[in-house]
N, C-alpha and C. Protein backbone atom coordinates (compact mmCIF):
# COMPACT_ATOMS: atom_id res chain seq x y z
N MET A 1 73.17 -68.66 -20.51
CA MET A 1 73.39 -68.80 -19.08
C MET A 1 73.54 -70.30 -18.80
N ASN A 2 74.55 -70.63 -18.00
CA ASN A 2 74.75 -72.05 -17.74
C ASN A 2 73.72 -72.58 -16.75
N LEU A 3 73.63 -73.88 -16.67
CA LEU A 3 72.63 -74.54 -15.83
C LEU A 3 72.80 -74.21 -14.36
N PHE A 4 74.04 -74.12 -13.89
CA PHE A 4 74.29 -73.80 -12.47
C PHE A 4 73.74 -72.43 -12.13
N LYS A 5 74.06 -71.43 -12.95
CA LYS A 5 73.58 -70.07 -12.68
C LYS A 5 72.06 -70.01 -12.72
N THR A 6 71.47 -70.68 -13.69
CA THR A 6 70.01 -70.68 -13.79
C THR A 6 69.39 -71.34 -12.57
N SER A 7 69.95 -72.48 -12.15
CA SER A 7 69.43 -73.18 -10.97
C SER A 7 69.56 -72.33 -9.72
N LEU A 8 70.71 -71.69 -9.56
CA LEU A 8 70.94 -70.84 -8.39
C LEU A 8 69.95 -69.69 -8.37
N LEU A 9 69.76 -69.04 -9.49
CA LEU A 9 68.85 -67.91 -9.54
C LEU A 9 67.41 -68.33 -9.30
N VAL A 10 67.00 -69.44 -9.88
CA VAL A 10 65.63 -69.92 -9.68
C VAL A 10 65.43 -70.33 -8.23
N SER A 11 66.41 -71.01 -7.64
CA SER A 11 66.30 -71.40 -6.23
C SER A 11 66.20 -70.18 -5.33
N THR A 12 67.02 -69.19 -5.58
CA THR A 12 66.98 -67.96 -4.79
C THR A 12 65.63 -67.28 -4.92
N PHE A 13 65.10 -67.23 -6.14
CA PHE A 13 63.80 -66.61 -6.36
C PHE A 13 62.70 -67.37 -5.63
N ILE A 14 62.74 -68.69 -5.67
CA ILE A 14 61.71 -69.50 -4.99
C ILE A 14 61.77 -69.27 -3.49
N VAL A 15 62.97 -69.26 -2.91
CA VAL A 15 63.11 -69.02 -1.47
C VAL A 15 62.60 -67.62 -1.13
N ALA A 16 62.98 -66.63 -1.94
CA ALA A 16 62.54 -65.26 -1.67
C ALA A 16 61.03 -65.14 -1.80
N ALA A 17 60.44 -65.83 -2.75
CA ALA A 17 58.99 -65.77 -2.95
C ALA A 17 58.24 -66.50 -1.84
N ALA A 18 58.82 -67.57 -1.31
CA ALA A 18 58.14 -68.37 -0.28
C ALA A 18 58.30 -67.77 1.12
N ALA A 19 59.33 -66.99 1.34
CA ALA A 19 59.59 -66.46 2.69
C ALA A 19 58.43 -65.67 3.27
N PRO A 20 57.79 -64.76 2.50
CA PRO A 20 56.66 -64.04 3.10
C PRO A 20 55.52 -64.96 3.52
N ALA A 21 55.25 -65.98 2.74
CA ALA A 21 54.18 -66.91 3.09
C ALA A 21 54.53 -67.68 4.35
N PHE A 22 55.79 -68.10 4.47
CA PHE A 22 56.24 -68.79 5.68
C PHE A 22 56.09 -67.89 6.89
N ALA A 23 56.57 -66.65 6.76
CA ALA A 23 56.48 -65.71 7.88
C ALA A 23 55.03 -65.43 8.24
N GLN A 24 54.17 -65.29 7.23
CA GLN A 24 52.75 -65.03 7.50
C GLN A 24 52.13 -66.21 8.22
N ASP A 25 52.42 -67.44 7.80
CA ASP A 25 51.89 -68.63 8.47
C ASP A 25 52.40 -68.69 9.91
N ALA A 26 53.68 -68.38 10.11
CA ALA A 26 54.26 -68.44 11.45
C ALA A 26 53.64 -67.39 12.37
N MET A 27 53.18 -66.30 11.81
CA MET A 27 52.63 -65.21 12.61
C MET A 27 51.11 -65.27 12.74
N ALA A 28 50.49 -66.28 12.15
CA ALA A 28 49.03 -66.40 12.22
C ALA A 28 48.57 -66.39 13.67
N GLY A 29 47.58 -65.56 13.96
CA GLY A 29 47.03 -65.48 15.31
C GLY A 29 47.77 -64.53 16.23
N HIS A 30 48.86 -63.91 15.74
CA HIS A 30 49.62 -62.98 16.56
C HIS A 30 49.27 -61.55 16.17
N ASP A 31 49.18 -60.66 17.15
CA ASP A 31 48.93 -59.24 16.90
C ASP A 31 50.23 -58.59 16.45
N MET A 32 50.30 -58.24 15.18
CA MET A 32 51.52 -57.68 14.62
C MET A 32 51.46 -56.15 14.52
N SER A 33 50.42 -55.53 15.07
CA SER A 33 50.25 -54.09 14.92
C SER A 33 51.39 -53.30 15.55
N ALA A 34 52.02 -53.84 16.57
CA ALA A 34 53.11 -53.13 17.25
C ALA A 34 54.38 -53.07 16.40
N MET A 35 54.47 -53.89 15.37
CA MET A 35 55.68 -53.92 14.56
C MET A 35 55.78 -52.72 13.64
N GLY A 36 54.69 -52.04 13.38
CA GLY A 36 54.74 -50.84 12.55
C GLY A 36 54.98 -51.16 11.10
N GLY A 37 55.32 -50.13 10.35
CA GLY A 37 55.49 -50.28 8.91
C GLY A 37 56.76 -49.64 8.43
N ALA A 38 56.61 -48.56 7.66
CA ALA A 38 57.75 -47.92 7.01
C ALA A 38 58.79 -47.42 8.01
N GLU A 39 58.38 -47.09 9.23
CA GLU A 39 59.35 -46.59 10.20
C GLU A 39 60.34 -47.67 10.60
N ASN A 40 60.09 -48.93 10.24
CA ASN A 40 60.99 -50.03 10.56
C ASN A 40 61.92 -50.37 9.41
N SER A 41 61.96 -49.53 8.41
CA SER A 41 62.86 -49.77 7.28
C SER A 41 63.59 -48.48 6.96
N VAL A 42 64.62 -48.59 6.18
CA VAL A 42 65.39 -47.42 5.78
C VAL A 42 65.11 -47.17 4.30
N GLU A 43 64.96 -45.93 3.94
CA GLU A 43 64.76 -45.57 2.54
C GLU A 43 66.12 -45.54 1.86
N LEU A 44 66.29 -46.38 0.87
CA LEU A 44 67.56 -46.45 0.16
C LEU A 44 67.68 -45.29 -0.83
N PRO A 45 68.89 -44.78 -1.00
CA PRO A 45 69.11 -43.78 -2.05
C PRO A 45 68.79 -44.39 -3.41
N GLU A 46 68.41 -43.57 -4.37
CA GLU A 46 68.03 -44.07 -5.69
C GLU A 46 69.11 -44.94 -6.33
N ILE A 47 70.38 -44.60 -6.10
CA ILE A 47 71.47 -45.37 -6.70
C ILE A 47 71.45 -46.83 -6.24
N CYS A 48 70.83 -47.10 -5.08
CA CYS A 48 70.76 -48.46 -4.53
C CYS A 48 69.61 -49.28 -5.10
N LYS A 49 68.77 -48.67 -5.89
CA LYS A 49 67.60 -49.36 -6.42
C LYS A 49 67.87 -49.75 -7.87
N SER A 50 67.72 -51.06 -8.17
CA SER A 50 67.92 -51.48 -9.55
C SER A 50 66.71 -51.09 -10.38
N ALA A 51 66.88 -51.06 -11.67
CA ALA A 51 65.79 -50.67 -12.57
C ALA A 51 64.61 -51.62 -12.46
N LYS A 52 64.90 -52.91 -12.32
CA LYS A 52 63.83 -53.90 -12.28
C LYS A 52 63.79 -54.68 -10.98
N GLY A 53 64.89 -54.76 -10.29
CA GLY A 53 64.95 -55.59 -9.09
C GLY A 53 65.09 -57.04 -9.50
N MET A 54 65.37 -57.89 -8.52
CA MET A 54 65.59 -59.30 -8.80
C MET A 54 64.36 -59.97 -9.38
N ALA A 55 63.19 -59.72 -8.81
CA ALA A 55 61.97 -60.34 -9.31
C ALA A 55 61.70 -59.90 -10.73
N GLY A 56 61.98 -58.64 -11.03
CA GLY A 56 61.79 -58.15 -12.40
C GLY A 56 62.71 -58.86 -13.37
N ASP A 57 63.96 -59.08 -12.96
CA ASP A 57 64.90 -59.80 -13.81
C ASP A 57 64.42 -61.22 -14.08
N MET A 58 63.88 -61.87 -13.06
CA MET A 58 63.38 -63.23 -13.23
C MET A 58 62.21 -63.24 -14.21
N ALA A 59 61.31 -62.31 -14.02
CA ALA A 59 60.14 -62.26 -14.87
C ALA A 59 60.51 -61.94 -16.31
N MET A 60 61.57 -61.17 -16.51
CA MET A 60 61.99 -60.79 -17.85
C MET A 60 62.92 -61.84 -18.47
N GLY A 61 63.18 -62.91 -17.76
CA GLY A 61 64.02 -63.98 -18.31
C GLY A 61 65.51 -63.69 -18.22
N MET A 62 65.92 -62.85 -17.31
CA MET A 62 67.33 -62.51 -17.12
C MET A 62 67.96 -62.07 -18.42
N ASP A 63 67.90 -60.79 -18.68
CA ASP A 63 68.45 -60.25 -19.91
C ASP A 63 69.96 -60.03 -19.82
N HIS A 64 70.57 -60.47 -18.74
CA HIS A 64 72.02 -60.38 -18.62
C HIS A 64 72.53 -61.53 -17.75
N GLU A 65 73.82 -61.83 -17.92
CA GLU A 65 74.47 -62.87 -17.13
C GLU A 65 74.85 -62.28 -15.77
N MET A 66 74.72 -63.09 -14.71
CA MET A 66 75.17 -62.65 -13.41
C MET A 66 76.62 -63.08 -13.26
N ASP A 67 77.50 -62.13 -12.96
CA ASP A 67 78.91 -62.46 -12.82
C ASP A 67 79.19 -63.07 -11.44
N GLN A 68 80.40 -63.60 -11.29
CA GLN A 68 80.78 -64.27 -10.05
C GLN A 68 80.71 -63.33 -8.85
N ALA A 69 81.09 -62.08 -9.03
CA ALA A 69 81.05 -61.12 -7.92
C ALA A 69 79.64 -60.98 -7.37
N HIS A 70 78.65 -60.83 -8.25
CA HIS A 70 77.27 -60.68 -7.80
C HIS A 70 76.71 -61.98 -7.24
N MET A 71 77.13 -63.10 -7.81
CA MET A 71 76.70 -64.39 -7.26
C MET A 71 77.24 -64.56 -5.85
N ASP A 72 78.49 -64.19 -5.62
CA ASP A 72 79.09 -64.29 -4.29
C ASP A 72 78.39 -63.36 -3.30
N LEU A 73 78.05 -62.16 -3.75
CA LEU A 73 77.37 -61.21 -2.90
C LEU A 73 76.00 -61.73 -2.47
N MET A 74 75.24 -62.30 -3.41
CA MET A 74 73.93 -62.85 -3.09
C MET A 74 74.04 -64.09 -2.21
N ALA A 75 75.01 -64.94 -2.50
CA ALA A 75 75.19 -66.17 -1.72
C ALA A 75 75.55 -65.83 -0.28
N GLY A 76 76.20 -64.70 -0.07
CA GLY A 76 76.59 -64.30 1.27
C GLY A 76 75.42 -64.17 2.22
N MET A 77 74.29 -63.73 1.74
CA MET A 77 73.10 -63.63 2.58
C MET A 77 72.24 -64.87 2.46
N ASP A 78 72.19 -65.45 1.29
CA ASP A 78 71.33 -66.61 1.06
C ASP A 78 71.65 -67.75 2.00
N GLU A 79 72.94 -67.96 2.27
CA GLU A 79 73.38 -69.05 3.14
C GLU A 79 72.85 -68.91 4.56
N THR A 80 72.65 -67.68 5.00
CA THR A 80 72.31 -67.46 6.40
C THR A 80 70.83 -67.16 6.65
N ASN A 81 70.05 -66.93 5.60
CA ASN A 81 68.65 -66.55 5.78
C ASN A 81 67.83 -67.62 6.51
N LYS A 82 68.00 -68.89 6.16
CA LYS A 82 67.22 -69.95 6.82
C LYS A 82 67.59 -70.04 8.30
N GLN A 83 68.89 -69.98 8.61
CA GLN A 83 69.32 -70.01 10.01
C GLN A 83 68.68 -68.86 10.79
N MET A 84 68.66 -67.69 10.19
CA MET A 84 68.12 -66.52 10.87
C MET A 84 66.62 -66.69 11.12
N MET A 85 65.89 -67.14 10.11
CA MET A 85 64.44 -67.31 10.27
C MET A 85 64.13 -68.40 11.29
N ASP A 86 64.88 -69.50 11.28
CA ASP A 86 64.68 -70.57 12.27
C ASP A 86 64.92 -70.04 13.68
N ALA A 87 66.00 -69.28 13.87
CA ALA A 87 66.35 -68.77 15.18
C ALA A 87 65.29 -67.81 15.72
N MET A 88 64.64 -67.05 14.84
CA MET A 88 63.62 -66.11 15.29
C MET A 88 62.40 -66.80 15.87
N MET A 89 62.27 -68.09 15.68
CA MET A 89 61.11 -68.82 16.19
C MET A 89 61.34 -69.39 17.59
N ILE A 90 62.53 -69.20 18.17
CA ILE A 90 62.81 -69.65 19.54
C ILE A 90 61.87 -68.91 20.48
N GLU A 91 61.35 -69.62 21.45
CA GLU A 91 60.31 -69.06 22.32
C GLU A 91 60.78 -67.84 23.11
N ASP A 92 61.93 -67.92 23.75
CA ASP A 92 62.44 -66.80 24.54
C ASP A 92 62.89 -65.69 23.58
N ILE A 93 62.26 -64.53 23.67
CA ILE A 93 62.52 -63.45 22.71
C ILE A 93 63.95 -62.95 22.77
N ASP A 94 64.54 -62.90 23.95
CA ASP A 94 65.93 -62.44 24.06
C ASP A 94 66.87 -63.40 23.35
N VAL A 95 66.67 -64.69 23.59
CA VAL A 95 67.50 -65.71 22.95
C VAL A 95 67.22 -65.74 21.45
N ALA A 96 65.96 -65.60 21.05
CA ALA A 96 65.60 -65.57 19.63
C ALA A 96 66.31 -64.42 18.93
N PHE A 97 66.28 -63.24 19.55
CA PHE A 97 66.94 -62.07 18.98
C PHE A 97 68.43 -62.33 18.78
N VAL A 98 69.10 -62.78 19.84
CA VAL A 98 70.54 -62.97 19.77
C VAL A 98 70.89 -64.08 18.78
N CYS A 99 70.14 -65.19 18.83
CA CYS A 99 70.40 -66.30 17.90
C CYS A 99 70.18 -65.89 16.44
N ALA A 100 69.18 -65.06 16.19
CA ALA A 100 68.92 -64.61 14.82
C ALA A 100 69.96 -63.60 14.35
N MET A 101 70.48 -62.82 15.28
CA MET A 101 71.49 -61.83 14.91
C MET A 101 72.81 -62.47 14.49
N ILE A 102 73.11 -63.65 15.00
CA ILE A 102 74.38 -64.29 14.64
C ILE A 102 74.44 -64.58 13.14
N PRO A 103 73.48 -65.29 12.55
CA PRO A 103 73.56 -65.49 11.10
C PRO A 103 73.36 -64.20 10.31
N HIS A 104 72.59 -63.24 10.86
CA HIS A 104 72.43 -61.95 10.20
C HIS A 104 73.79 -61.27 10.07
N HIS A 105 74.56 -61.26 11.16
CA HIS A 105 75.89 -60.68 11.13
C HIS A 105 76.82 -61.49 10.21
N GLN A 106 76.68 -62.82 10.24
CA GLN A 106 77.51 -63.65 9.36
C GLN A 106 77.22 -63.34 7.90
N GLY A 107 75.95 -63.08 7.58
CA GLY A 107 75.60 -62.69 6.21
C GLY A 107 76.31 -61.41 5.80
N ALA A 108 76.39 -60.45 6.73
CA ALA A 108 77.11 -59.21 6.44
C ALA A 108 78.60 -59.49 6.23
N ILE A 109 79.16 -60.37 7.03
CA ILE A 109 80.57 -60.75 6.85
C ILE A 109 80.77 -61.40 5.49
N ASN A 110 79.88 -62.31 5.13
CA ASN A 110 79.99 -62.99 3.83
C ASN A 110 79.93 -61.99 2.68
N MET A 111 79.01 -61.02 2.77
CA MET A 111 78.90 -60.00 1.73
C MET A 111 80.16 -59.13 1.70
N ALA A 112 80.69 -58.79 2.86
CA ALA A 112 81.91 -57.98 2.92
C ALA A 112 83.09 -58.72 2.30
N LYS A 113 83.15 -60.03 2.52
CA LYS A 113 84.23 -60.81 1.91
C LYS A 113 84.10 -60.82 0.39
N ALA A 114 82.87 -60.83 -0.13
CA ALA A 114 82.68 -60.75 -1.58
C ALA A 114 83.17 -59.40 -2.10
N GLU A 115 82.93 -58.34 -1.35
CA GLU A 115 83.44 -57.01 -1.73
C GLU A 115 84.96 -57.02 -1.76
N LEU A 116 85.59 -57.59 -0.72
CA LEU A 116 87.05 -57.63 -0.68
C LEU A 116 87.61 -58.43 -1.85
N ALA A 117 86.93 -59.50 -2.22
CA ALA A 117 87.41 -60.36 -3.31
C ALA A 117 87.20 -59.75 -4.68
N HIS A 118 86.15 -58.97 -4.85
CA HIS A 118 85.79 -58.51 -6.19
C HIS A 118 85.75 -57.00 -6.37
N GLY A 119 85.72 -56.24 -5.28
CA GLY A 119 85.54 -54.80 -5.39
C GLY A 119 86.77 -54.07 -5.91
N ASP A 120 86.52 -52.87 -6.45
CA ASP A 120 87.59 -52.04 -7.00
C ASP A 120 87.81 -50.77 -6.19
N ASN A 121 86.80 -50.30 -5.48
CA ASN A 121 86.85 -49.03 -4.79
C ASN A 121 87.46 -49.20 -3.41
N GLN A 122 88.49 -48.42 -3.11
CA GLN A 122 89.19 -48.58 -1.83
C GLN A 122 88.31 -48.22 -0.64
N TRP A 123 87.47 -47.18 -0.76
CA TRP A 123 86.58 -46.83 0.34
C TRP A 123 85.65 -47.99 0.65
N ALA A 124 85.06 -48.60 -0.39
CA ALA A 124 84.13 -49.72 -0.19
C ALA A 124 84.86 -50.92 0.42
N LYS A 125 86.09 -51.16 -0.01
CA LYS A 125 86.86 -52.27 0.54
C LYS A 125 87.22 -52.01 2.01
N ASP A 126 87.58 -50.77 2.33
CA ASP A 126 87.86 -50.42 3.73
C ASP A 126 86.61 -50.60 4.58
N MET A 127 85.45 -50.20 4.06
CA MET A 127 84.20 -50.36 4.78
C MET A 127 83.90 -51.84 4.99
N ALA A 128 84.16 -52.65 3.97
CA ALA A 128 83.94 -54.10 4.09
C ALA A 128 84.79 -54.67 5.22
N GLN A 129 86.03 -54.24 5.31
CA GLN A 129 86.90 -54.75 6.38
C GLN A 129 86.41 -54.29 7.75
N LYS A 130 85.91 -53.05 7.84
CA LYS A 130 85.35 -52.57 9.10
C LYS A 130 84.13 -53.41 9.50
N VAL A 131 83.29 -53.75 8.51
CA VAL A 131 82.12 -54.59 8.77
C VAL A 131 82.56 -55.94 9.31
N ILE A 132 83.54 -56.55 8.67
CA ILE A 132 84.03 -57.86 9.12
C ILE A 132 84.54 -57.77 10.56
N ASP A 133 85.38 -56.79 10.83
CA ASP A 133 85.96 -56.66 12.17
C ASP A 133 84.87 -56.47 13.23
N ALA A 134 83.93 -55.57 12.97
CA ALA A 134 82.88 -55.27 13.95
C ALA A 134 81.94 -56.45 14.13
N GLN A 135 81.52 -57.06 13.02
CA GLN A 135 80.55 -58.14 13.09
C GLN A 135 81.15 -59.39 13.74
N GLU A 136 82.42 -59.67 13.47
CA GLU A 136 83.05 -60.83 14.11
C GLU A 136 83.11 -60.64 15.63
N GLN A 137 83.41 -59.43 16.08
CA GLN A 137 83.44 -59.16 17.51
C GLN A 137 82.05 -59.29 18.12
N GLU A 138 81.04 -58.77 17.43
CA GLU A 138 79.67 -58.85 17.94
C GLU A 138 79.19 -60.30 17.99
N ILE A 139 79.55 -61.11 16.99
CA ILE A 139 79.19 -62.53 17.02
C ILE A 139 79.84 -63.20 18.23
N ALA A 140 81.10 -62.91 18.47
CA ALA A 140 81.79 -63.49 19.64
C ALA A 140 81.09 -63.08 20.93
N ASP A 141 80.68 -61.81 21.03
CA ASP A 141 79.97 -61.33 22.22
C ASP A 141 78.63 -62.06 22.38
N MET A 142 77.91 -62.25 21.28
CA MET A 142 76.60 -62.91 21.36
C MET A 142 76.74 -64.37 21.75
N ILE A 143 77.74 -65.04 21.19
CA ILE A 143 77.95 -66.45 21.55
C ILE A 143 78.33 -66.56 23.02
N ALA A 144 79.17 -65.66 23.50
CA ALA A 144 79.56 -65.67 24.92
C ALA A 144 78.32 -65.47 25.79
N TRP A 145 77.43 -64.55 25.42
CA TRP A 145 76.21 -64.32 26.19
C TRP A 145 75.33 -65.56 26.19
N LEU A 146 75.17 -66.18 25.02
CA LEU A 146 74.35 -67.39 24.93
C LEU A 146 74.92 -68.51 25.77
N GLU A 147 76.22 -68.65 25.80
CA GLU A 147 76.85 -69.71 26.58
C GLU A 147 76.85 -69.40 28.07
N GLY A 148 76.67 -68.15 28.42
CA GLY A 148 76.65 -67.74 29.83
C GLY A 148 75.25 -67.41 30.27
N GLU A 149 74.97 -66.14 30.32
CA GLU A 149 73.69 -65.64 30.81
C GLU A 149 72.49 -66.15 30.01
N GLY A 150 72.63 -66.19 28.71
CA GLY A 150 71.52 -66.65 27.87
C GLY A 150 71.13 -68.09 28.13
N ALA A 151 72.12 -68.89 28.50
CA ALA A 151 71.83 -70.31 28.79
C ALA A 151 71.00 -70.47 30.05
N ASP A 152 71.02 -69.45 30.92
CA ASP A 152 70.26 -69.51 32.17
C ASP A 152 68.81 -69.12 32.01
N GLU A 153 68.47 -68.60 30.86
CA GLU A 153 67.09 -68.11 30.64
C GLU A 153 66.09 -69.23 30.72
């Protein structure tokens, strides 16, 4: 594995490992009981679950090379995670929600572009284009709200 890939994977793992601690520190003193648990997540089909997961791959020393397609897919969300977490800390909850959704949607667009660039399945590529079209429109709507009504909050 080349140095770039190793550095990227280690950096991603460190960010992923540190995120829960950051979120826990940020939430210290807040009553989080209203957030619930499993009902706030979706159960993925078995085909969506890797045998070891990313942390397992790291712990096992990466028994395979990550190709460009998978690196692009991961980078699509990695680029926007910090922006999303920063935006969620804005005091006004409505503005925090909208500001955090913008990079969240951009992450989906980035992942969809990786699918278009590397994918083979036409259904998946069509879905990626639908994601891009919908998310770009929603980002435009959110920015317009922030520049208008949201700015008055």
